[in-house]
Amino acid sequence: MKVKYISYGKHITGGYLHELFFVNALCDGLKSKGSKIEFLEIRFPQLFIGFFAYLKLQINTFKALKNVNIAVVVSRMAWPVLVKVIFNRQFKSFIVLHHLDWSVPFSFFHHFYIKVFLFLLNTFKTQRIGLIVVSPFWLNEVQKNYNKVSVFLFPNLLNPNDYKIDTIITKSNCIHLGQWSWKNDSSILDLALQLHQKGFTCYFSTNIPDEQCIHAHYSVIYEDRLAYLKRMAAASWTLALTQYKEGWNRVAHESILLGTPVIGYANGGLSDLLKISQSIIVDSTDDALNHICHTSPILAEQTEFKSQYHSNQSEVFLAPIYYFLS
């Protein structure tokens, strides 16, 4: 059985790590059940911005879907999968949908693309395309709006042992503002200025070397994984204040595993993460500032959260997927 994971991008993102973990867990599970698996990963190293680039992505994806029994692709590659299903009855695929928020700027075409795809999937009720979502919030959203679509929850599953720091970490007067991205609006930068004026050191983390920089009241820091983990473990708080409906929030998840409490907006899948981890939910940056200045940054043990989203739980979430494939 040939399994392909097809994706695109120039940098390692949280979404990519989630997808790769999912497809590896799926392949390992199928092998343990007696299937002979031949796995291949194809990653197009560009972002495909603009209509013609988007069209090129569709063509490249369709070509990459040759000679495969099961494909795992991201949502921007959904239509080539649909065409493949029509012409090959032995083919099955999983589309990973991290989030779908109409308020995200410059993404109308993509959302229209996905909405039409989901409408067709819901109308024709094919049992050869499954949708993978990363949080209960998005599972409920899909089931509510497209109740005939085969949708499965496979969340971000991390091993807490990978977040144990060998050296002693001393908490600093430092605030991790979250990951630097287009999702950050001016209110977060205003908050960074207010925190700077109160004596805090603020920084964003980034996985893109060219983004690192130093501003008057905050820094954007790129560093290797161990340094990134140590810096976040030493921070007083990690903030997750995106205005958009998140799929999840890997940085917030990692912060909790490192023992650094999180303050965030309950938007999208991030709301699931904040609630089960008993993190602080706020409605504004003023509210966040108040908690930073007056709430002790102490994180509970997080036994339930660590257990529920442990990497050893993959078989629990894969069980209905195995049935779908049978």
Protein backbone atom coordinates (compact mmCIF):
# COMPACT_ATOMS: atom_id res chain seq x y z
CA MET A 1 0.00 0.00 0.00
CA LYS A 2 1.46 3.35 -1.05
CA VAL A 3 0.92 6.33 1.25
CA LYS A 4 1.91 9.88 0.26
CA TYR A 5 2.01 13.00 2.38
CA ILE A 6 1.99 16.09 0.15
CA SER A 7 2.50 19.59 1.52
CA TYR A 8 4.17 22.89 0.69
CA GLY A 9 6.09 25.66 2.44
CA LYS A 10 9.56 27.09 3.01
CA HIS A 11 9.75 26.66 6.78
CA ILE A 12 8.87 24.14 9.48
CA THR A 13 5.54 25.21 10.97
CA GLY A 14 3.30 23.85 13.71
CA GLY A 15 0.83 22.72 11.06
CA TYR A 16 3.51 20.79 9.20
CA LEU A 17 4.68 19.06 12.40
CA HIS A 18 1.09 18.08 13.21
CA GLU A 19 0.50 16.66 9.72
CA LEU A 20 3.77 14.75 9.71
CA PHE A 21 3.04 13.23 13.12
CA PHE A 22 -0.43 12.20 11.94
CA VAL A 23 0.73 10.47 8.77
CA ASN A 24 3.63 8.71 10.56
CA ALA A 25 1.27 7.51 13.30
CA LEU A 26 -1.19 6.31 10.64
CA CYS A 27 1.52 4.40 8.75
CA ASP A 28 2.87 2.83 11.96
CA GLY A 29 -0.64 1.81 12.97
CA LEU A 30 -1.40 0.24 9.59
CA LYS A 31 1.90 -1.64 9.70
CA SER A 32 1.08 -2.99 13.15
CA LYS A 33 -2.18 -4.33 11.70
CA GLY A 34 -0.33 -6.26 9.00
CA SER A 35 -0.36 -3.83 6.07
CA LYS A 36 2.77 -3.39 3.98
CA ILE A 37 3.28 0.36 3.75
CA GLU A 38 5.45 2.29 1.30
CA PHE A 39 5.60 5.88 2.52
CA LEU A 40 6.68 8.91 0.51
CA GLU A 41 6.70 12.57 1.51
CA ILE A 42 6.52 15.29 -1.16
CA ARG A 43 6.94 18.90 -0.09
CA PHE A 44 6.90 21.82 -2.54
CA PRO A 45 9.35 24.41 -1.12
CA GLN A 46 7.38 27.58 -1.86
CA LEU A 47 4.28 29.43 -0.61
CA PHE A 48 2.18 29.70 -3.82
CA ILE A 49 0.83 33.21 -3.28
CA GLY A 50 -1.47 34.64 -5.96
CA PHE A 51 -3.97 33.11 -8.36
CA PHE A 52 -1.53 31.66 -10.89
CA ALA A 53 0.72 30.29 -8.15
CA TYR A 54 -2.38 28.73 -6.58
CA LEU A 55 -3.23 27.14 -9.92
CA LYS A 56 0.32 25.81 -10.17
CA LEU A 57 -0.10 24.24 -6.73
CA GLN A 58 -3.23 22.41 -7.94
CA ILE A 59 -1.42 21.07 -11.00
CA ASN A 60 1.64 20.00 -8.98
CA THR A 61 -0.60 18.25 -6.46
CA PHE A 62 -2.53 16.37 -9.13
CA LYS A 63 0.74 15.14 -10.65
CA ALA A 64 2.01 14.08 -7.22
CA LEU A 65 -1.13 11.99 -6.62
CA LYS A 66 -0.04 9.39 -9.19
CA ASN A 67 0.60 5.81 -8.03
CA VAL A 68 -0.81 6.19 -4.53
CA ASN A 69 -3.44 4.38 -2.47
CA ILE A 70 -3.77 6.83 0.42
CA ALA A 71 -2.85 10.52 0.31
CA VAL A 72 -2.65 13.05 3.14
CA VAL A 73 -2.75 16.66 1.94
CA VAL A 74 -3.45 20.11 3.32
CA SER A 75 -6.70 21.95 2.58
CA ARG A 76 -5.24 24.09 -0.24
CA MET A 77 -4.77 20.85 -2.20
CA ALA A 78 -8.33 19.56 -1.79
CA TRP A 79 -9.62 19.85 -5.37
CA PRO A 80 -7.00 17.63 -7.04
CA VAL A 81 -7.92 14.98 -4.47
CA LEU A 82 -11.60 15.27 -5.41
CA VAL A 83 -10.74 14.80 -9.10
CA LYS A 84 -8.56 11.79 -8.25
CA VAL A 85 -11.39 10.19 -6.27
CA ILE A 86 -13.77 10.54 -9.22
CA PHE A 87 -11.44 8.65 -11.57
CA ASN A 88 -9.91 6.11 -9.19
CA ARG A 89 -12.21 4.07 -6.97
CA GLN A 90 -9.27 2.47 -5.11
CA PHE A 91 -7.96 5.81 -3.91
CA LYS A 92 -8.63 7.37 -0.49
CA SER A 93 -7.40 10.61 0.99
CA PHE A 94 -7.35 12.73 4.12
CA ILE A 95 -7.56 16.53 3.92
CA VAL A 96 -6.09 18.30 6.95
CA LEU A 97 -8.12 21.42 7.79
CA HIS A 98 -6.50 23.48 10.54
CA HIS A 99 -8.96 26.39 10.55
CA LEU A 100 -11.42 28.31 8.40
CA ASP A 101 -11.98 31.93 9.39
CA TRP A 102 -13.61 34.31 6.89
CA SER A 103 -12.24 37.33 8.76
CA VAL A 104 -8.64 36.47 7.91
CA PRO A 105 -7.40 39.13 5.44
CA PHE A 106 -6.40 38.21 1.86
CA SER A 107 -7.87 34.71 2.15
CA PHE A 108 -11.32 35.05 0.54
CA PHE A 109 -10.38 32.95 -2.48
CA HIS A 110 -8.98 30.13 -0.34
CA HIS A 111 -12.05 30.09 1.88
CA PHE A 112 -14.36 30.07 -1.13
CA TYR A 113 -12.27 27.21 -2.53
CA ILE A 114 -12.70 25.21 0.70
CA LYS A 115 -16.38 26.10 1.16
CA VAL A 116 -17.29 24.83 -2.32
CA PHE A 117 -15.21 21.71 -1.75
CA LEU A 118 -16.98 20.98 1.55
CA PHE A 119 -20.37 21.65 -0.05
CA LEU A 120 -19.65 19.07 -2.78
CA LEU A 121 -18.25 16.63 -0.24
CA ASN A 122 -21.38 17.02 1.86
CA THR A 123 -23.72 16.74 -1.15
CA PHE A 124 -22.26 13.62 -2.72
CA LYS A 125 -21.37 11.93 0.62
CA THR A 126 -18.21 10.24 -0.63
CA GLN A 127 -16.67 7.76 1.78
CA ARG A 128 -13.24 8.03 0.21
CA ILE A 129 -12.27 11.49 1.44
CA GLY A 130 -11.90 12.13 5.16
CA LEU A 131 -11.40 15.50 6.80
CA ILE A 132 -8.86 15.76 9.65
CA VAL A 133 -9.34 18.59 12.17
CA VAL A 134 -7.07 19.48 15.07
CA SER A 135 -9.48 20.45 17.85
CA PRO A 136 -12.97 19.71 19.20
CA PHE A 137 -14.05 23.23 18.21
CA TRP A 138 -13.44 22.55 14.51
CA LEU A 139 -14.90 19.05 14.76
CA ASN A 140 -18.14 20.60 16.02
CA GLU A 141 -18.05 23.32 13.36
CA VAL A 142 -17.73 20.85 10.51
CA GLN A 143 -20.32 18.44 11.91
CA LYS A 144 -22.76 21.32 12.43
CA ASN A 145 -22.43 22.75 8.92
CA TYR A 146 -21.52 19.65 6.89
CA ASN A 147 -23.05 16.70 8.72
CA LYS A 148 -22.53 14.23 5.86
CA VAL A 149 -18.77 14.79 5.64
CA SER A 150 -16.51 12.14 7.19
CA VAL A 151 -14.57 14.21 9.71
CA PHE A 152 -12.07 12.97 12.30
CA LEU A 153 -10.36 14.62 15.23
CA PHE A 154 -6.60 14.16 15.41
CA PRO A 155 -5.19 16.86 17.71
CA ASN A 156 -1.65 18.02 18.32
CA LEU A 157 -0.16 15.24 20.44
CA LEU A 158 3.13 16.00 22.18
CA ASN A 159 5.32 13.99 24.56
CA PRO A 160 5.85 15.96 27.81
CA ASN A 161 9.24 14.24 28.22
CA ASP A 162 10.48 16.16 25.18
CA TYR A 163 9.92 19.37 27.14
CA LYS A 164 11.94 18.55 30.22
CA ILE A 165 14.89 20.93 30.53
CA ASP A 166 18.02 19.38 32.08
CA THR A 167 19.39 22.63 33.48
CA ILE A 168 17.76 24.61 36.29
CA ILE A 169 15.55 27.37 34.87
CA THR A 170 15.11 30.60 36.81
CA LYS A 171 11.96 32.55 35.98
CA SER A 172 12.66 36.00 34.55
CA ASN A 173 10.70 39.22 34.22
CA CYS A 174 10.14 38.30 30.59
CA ILE A 175 6.93 38.00 28.57
CA HIS A 176 6.73 35.72 25.55
CA LEU A 177 4.33 37.51 23.20
CA GLY A 178 3.81 34.35 21.16
CA GLN A 179 4.96 33.57 17.64
CA TRP A 180 5.64 36.46 15.29
CA SER A 181 3.25 36.27 12.33
CA TRP A 182 0.78 38.18 10.18
CA LYS A 183 -1.84 37.37 12.85
CA ASN A 184 -0.33 39.92 15.24
CA ASP A 185 -2.17 43.22 15.22
CA SER A 186 -1.28 46.63 16.58
CA SER A 187 -2.94 45.97 19.97
CA ILE A 188 -0.27 43.37 20.81
CA LEU A 189 2.50 45.82 19.92
CA ASP A 190 0.79 48.47 22.08
CA LEU A 191 0.69 45.92 24.92
CA ALA A 192 4.41 45.26 24.44
CA LEU A 193 5.06 49.00 24.85
CA GLN A 194 3.00 49.14 28.05
CA LEU A 195 4.82 46.10 29.44
CA HIS A 196 8.18 47.61 28.54
CA GLN A 197 7.25 50.78 30.42
CA LYS A 198 6.44 48.65 33.47
CA GLY A 199 9.86 46.99 33.38
CA PHE A 200 9.11 43.77 31.52
CA THR A 201 11.23 42.39 28.70
CA CYS A 202 9.09 41.26 25.76
CA TYR A 203 9.83 39.04 22.80
CA PHE A 204 8.20 37.16 19.96
CA SER A 205 9.61 33.83 18.82
CA THR A 206 9.94 33.02 15.12
CA ASN A 207 10.87 30.00 13.00
CA ILE A 208 12.05 32.20 10.12
CA PRO A 209 15.65 33.51 10.43
CA ASP A 210 15.02 36.63 8.31
CA GLU A 211 12.31 37.84 10.70
CA GLN A 212 14.57 38.28 13.74
CA CYS A 213 15.02 41.89 14.79
CA ILE A 214 15.22 44.17 17.81
CA HIS A 215 12.78 47.04 18.41
CA ALA A 216 12.65 49.59 21.20
CA HIS A 217 10.16 47.65 23.34
CA TYR A 218 10.26 44.09 21.98
CA SER A 219 12.45 41.63 20.08
CA VAL A 220 11.73 38.99 17.47
CA ILE A 221 14.03 36.08 18.24
CA TYR A 222 15.09 33.16 16.06
CA GLU A 223 17.10 30.43 17.79
CA ASP A 224 17.62 26.69 17.83
CA ARG A 225 15.00 24.46 19.45
CA LEU A 226 16.75 24.01 22.82
CA ALA A 227 17.37 27.73 23.23
CA TYR A 228 13.76 28.43 22.22
CA LEU A 229 12.47 26.01 24.87
CA LYS A 230 14.78 27.37 27.59
CA ARG A 231 13.78 30.95 26.89
CA MET A 232 10.07 30.12 27.01
CA ALA A 233 10.51 28.04 30.18
CA ALA A 234 12.15 31.06 31.84
CA ALA A 235 9.39 33.48 30.80
CA SER A 236 6.73 34.56 33.29
CA TRP A 237 3.90 34.26 30.75
CA THR A 238 3.23 33.23 27.17
CA LEU A 239 0.52 35.20 25.34
CA ALA A 240 -1.81 33.82 22.67
CA LEU A 241 -3.76 36.93 21.66
CA THR A 242 -4.62 36.36 18.01
CA GLN A 243 -7.94 37.82 16.90
CA TYR A 244 -8.56 35.00 14.43
CA LYS A 245 -10.02 31.55 15.01
CA GLU A 246 -6.97 29.37 15.58
CA GLY A 247 -6.76 25.74 14.61
CA TRP A 248 -4.94 25.10 17.90
CA ASN A 249 -1.80 26.90 19.08
CA ARG A 250 1.33 24.80 19.26
CA VAL A 251 3.38 27.52 20.95
CA ALA A 252 0.82 27.80 23.78
CA HIS A 253 0.74 24.00 24.07
CA GLU A 254 4.54 23.86 24.34
CA SER A 255 4.54 26.68 26.89
CA ILE A 256 2.20 24.72 29.16
CA LEU A 257 4.42 21.63 28.91
CA LEU A 258 7.38 23.82 29.90
CA GLY A 259 5.55 25.14 32.98
CA THR A 260 4.96 28.66 31.69
CA PRO A 261 1.31 29.73 32.05
CA VAL A 262 -0.65 31.08 29.09
CA ILE A 263 -2.97 34.06 28.70
CA GLY A 264 -5.08 34.04 25.56
CA TYR A 265 -8.25 34.75 23.63
CA ALA A 266 -10.77 31.89 23.42
CA ASN A 267 -10.92 31.91 19.62
CA GLY A 268 -11.36 28.72 17.57
CA GLY A 269 -9.42 25.66 18.64
CA LEU A 270 -7.34 27.78 21.00
CA SER A 271 -10.43 27.94 23.24
CA ASP A 272 -10.22 24.16 23.74
CA LEU A 273 -6.56 24.38 24.69
CA LEU A 274 -7.09 27.24 27.15
CA LYS A 275 -10.10 25.63 28.83
CA ILE A 276 -8.72 22.14 29.39
CA SER A 277 -5.37 23.54 30.60
CA GLN A 278 -7.20 25.99 32.91
CA SER A 279 -5.26 28.84 31.38
CA ILE A 280 -6.33 32.47 31.72
CA ILE A 281 -8.87 33.61 29.13
CA VAL A 282 -9.12 37.33 28.47
CA ASP A 283 -11.19 39.59 26.21
CA SER A 284 -8.68 42.38 25.63
CA THR A 285 -5.03 43.34 25.92
CA ASP A 286 -5.98 45.57 28.88
CA ASP A 287 -7.30 42.47 30.63
CA ALA A 288 -4.09 40.62 29.76
CA LEU A 289 -1.98 43.48 31.14
CA ASN A 290 -3.94 43.41 34.40
CA HIS A 291 -3.31 39.67 34.84
CA ILE A 292 0.40 40.01 34.03
CA CYS A 293 0.81 42.76 36.62
CA HIS A 294 -1.39 41.31 39.38
CA THR A 295 -1.69 37.51 38.94
CA SER A 296 1.05 35.19 40.16
CA PRO A 297 2.39 33.18 37.18
CA ILE A 298 1.94 29.76 38.74
CA LEU A 299 0.86 26.84 36.54
CA ALA A 300 -1.01 23.84 37.92
CA GLU A 301 0.36 20.33 37.34
CA GLN A 302 -1.68 19.85 34.13
CA THR A 303 -2.00 16.08 34.59
CA GLU A 304 -5.25 15.85 32.59
CA PHE A 305 -4.01 18.07 29.78
CA LYS A 306 -0.70 16.24 29.44
CA SER A 307 -2.44 12.87 29.48
CA GLN A 308 -5.18 13.74 26.99
CA TYR A 309 -2.80 15.32 24.47
CA HIS A 310 0.14 12.92 24.98
CA SER A 311 1.74 11.44 21.87
CA ASN A 312 0.96 7.96 23.20
CA GLN A 313 -2.77 8.66 22.65
CA SER A 314 -2.56 8.53 18.86
CA GLU A 315 -4.25 5.10 18.63
CA VAL A 316 -7.32 6.49 20.42
CA PHE A 317 -7.82 9.05 17.66
CA LEU A 318 -6.79 6.69 14.86
CA ALA A 319 -9.38 4.02 15.72
CA PRO A 320 -12.28 5.59 13.70
CA ILE A 321 -9.83 6.35 10.89
CA TYR A 322 -8.88 2.67 10.60
CA TYR A 323 -12.59 1.84 10.32
CA PHE A 324 -12.99 4.48 7.59
CA LEU A 325 -10.16 2.89 5.62
CA SER A 326 -11.48 -0.66 5.96
